[in-house]
């Protein structure tokens, strides 16, 4: 999953309005929408603005979700 997809999922799953993120981050709402839909690149400066606006730990968005170590393989 790409960073913009994790960001879009976080916003959706937490019931946060794109207009709120746009206002708090200073990113125009149409630009934010294009980023979250993968139609515009998410650069580091915009990502930083969004993370600050959401007041979240950057690792929630930047680091991929790791599978549980207790999961077993279907190769047996």
Protein backbone atom coordinates (compact mmCIF):
# COMPACT_ATOMS: atom_id res chain seq x y z
CA UNK A 1 0.00 0.00 0.00
CA UNK A 2 1.34 3.42 -0.94
CA UNK A 3 1.69 6.33 1.48
CA UNK A 4 -1.18 8.30 -0.06
CA UNK A 5 -3.41 5.20 0.25
CA UNK A 6 -2.53 4.76 3.93
CA UNK A 7 -3.22 8.45 4.47
CA UNK A 8 -6.58 8.27 2.68
CA UNK A 9 -7.53 5.18 4.70
CA UNK A 10 -6.57 6.86 7.97
CA UNK A 11 -8.69 9.90 7.17
CA UNK A 12 -11.67 7.79 6.09
CA UNK A 13 -11.47 5.28 8.96
CA UNK A 14 -11.31 8.06 11.54
CA UNK A 15 -14.23 9.99 10.05
CA UNK A 16 -12.13 13.07 9.33
CA UNK A 17 -13.44 15.42 6.67
CA UNK A 18 -11.10 16.34 3.84
CA UNK A 19 -12.20 19.97 4.24
CA UNK A 20 -10.89 19.90 7.83
CA UNK A 21 -7.52 18.48 6.74
CA UNK A 22 -7.31 21.01 3.91
CA UNK A 23 -8.04 23.92 6.23
CA UNK A 24 -5.61 22.80 8.96
CA UNK A 25 -2.82 21.89 6.54
CA UNK A 26 -3.16 24.89 4.25
CA UNK A 27 -3.48 22.61 1.21
CA UNK A 28 -6.34 23.52 -1.14
CA UNK A 29 -9.15 20.98 -0.85
CA UNK A 30 -9.06 20.07 -4.54
CA UNK A 31 -5.29 19.44 -4.33
CA UNK A 32 -5.75 17.30 -1.22
CA UNK A 33 -8.47 15.30 -2.95
CA UNK A 34 -6.22 14.67 -5.95
CA UNK A 35 -3.41 13.53 -3.63
CA UNK A 36 -5.67 11.16 -1.69
CA UNK A 37 -6.96 9.68 -4.96
CA UNK A 38 -3.48 9.15 -6.37
CA UNK A 39 -3.95 11.71 -9.14
CA UNK A 40 -1.30 14.09 -7.78
CA UNK A 41 2.03 13.34 -6.12
CA UNK A 42 2.31 13.63 -2.38
CA UNK A 43 5.57 15.42 -1.71
CA UNK A 44 7.34 15.42 1.65
CA UNK A 45 6.36 19.00 2.49
CA UNK A 46 2.66 18.33 1.97
CA UNK A 47 2.88 15.07 3.89
CA UNK A 48 4.48 16.93 6.78
CA UNK A 49 1.72 19.58 6.69
CA UNK A 50 -0.97 16.88 6.74
CA UNK A 51 0.65 14.92 9.58
CA UNK A 52 0.95 18.10 11.65
CA UNK A 53 -2.66 19.04 10.84
CA UNK A 54 -3.86 15.60 11.97
CA UNK A 55 -1.56 15.67 15.01
CA UNK A 56 -0.56 12.04 14.48
CA UNK A 57 2.59 9.96 14.73
CA UNK A 58 4.18 9.96 11.24
CA UNK A 59 4.86 6.22 11.51
CA UNK A 60 1.10 5.60 11.24
CA UNK A 61 1.26 6.81 7.65
CA UNK A 62 4.84 6.28 6.53
CA UNK A 63 5.59 2.77 7.78
CA UNK A 64 3.77 -0.15 6.17
CA UNK A 65 1.61 -2.28 8.41
CA UNK A 66 3.49 -5.41 9.36
CA UNK A 67 1.77 -8.77 9.47
CA UNK A 68 1.48 -10.45 12.82
CA UNK A 69 4.31 -12.81 13.66
CA UNK A 70 1.72 -15.34 14.86
CA UNK A 71 0.26 -15.75 11.37
CA UNK A 72 1.18 -19.02 9.73
CA UNK A 73 2.01 -19.76 6.14
CA UNK A 74 -0.29 -21.74 3.87
CA UNK A 75 2.68 -23.73 2.54
CA UNK A 76 2.16 -26.65 4.97
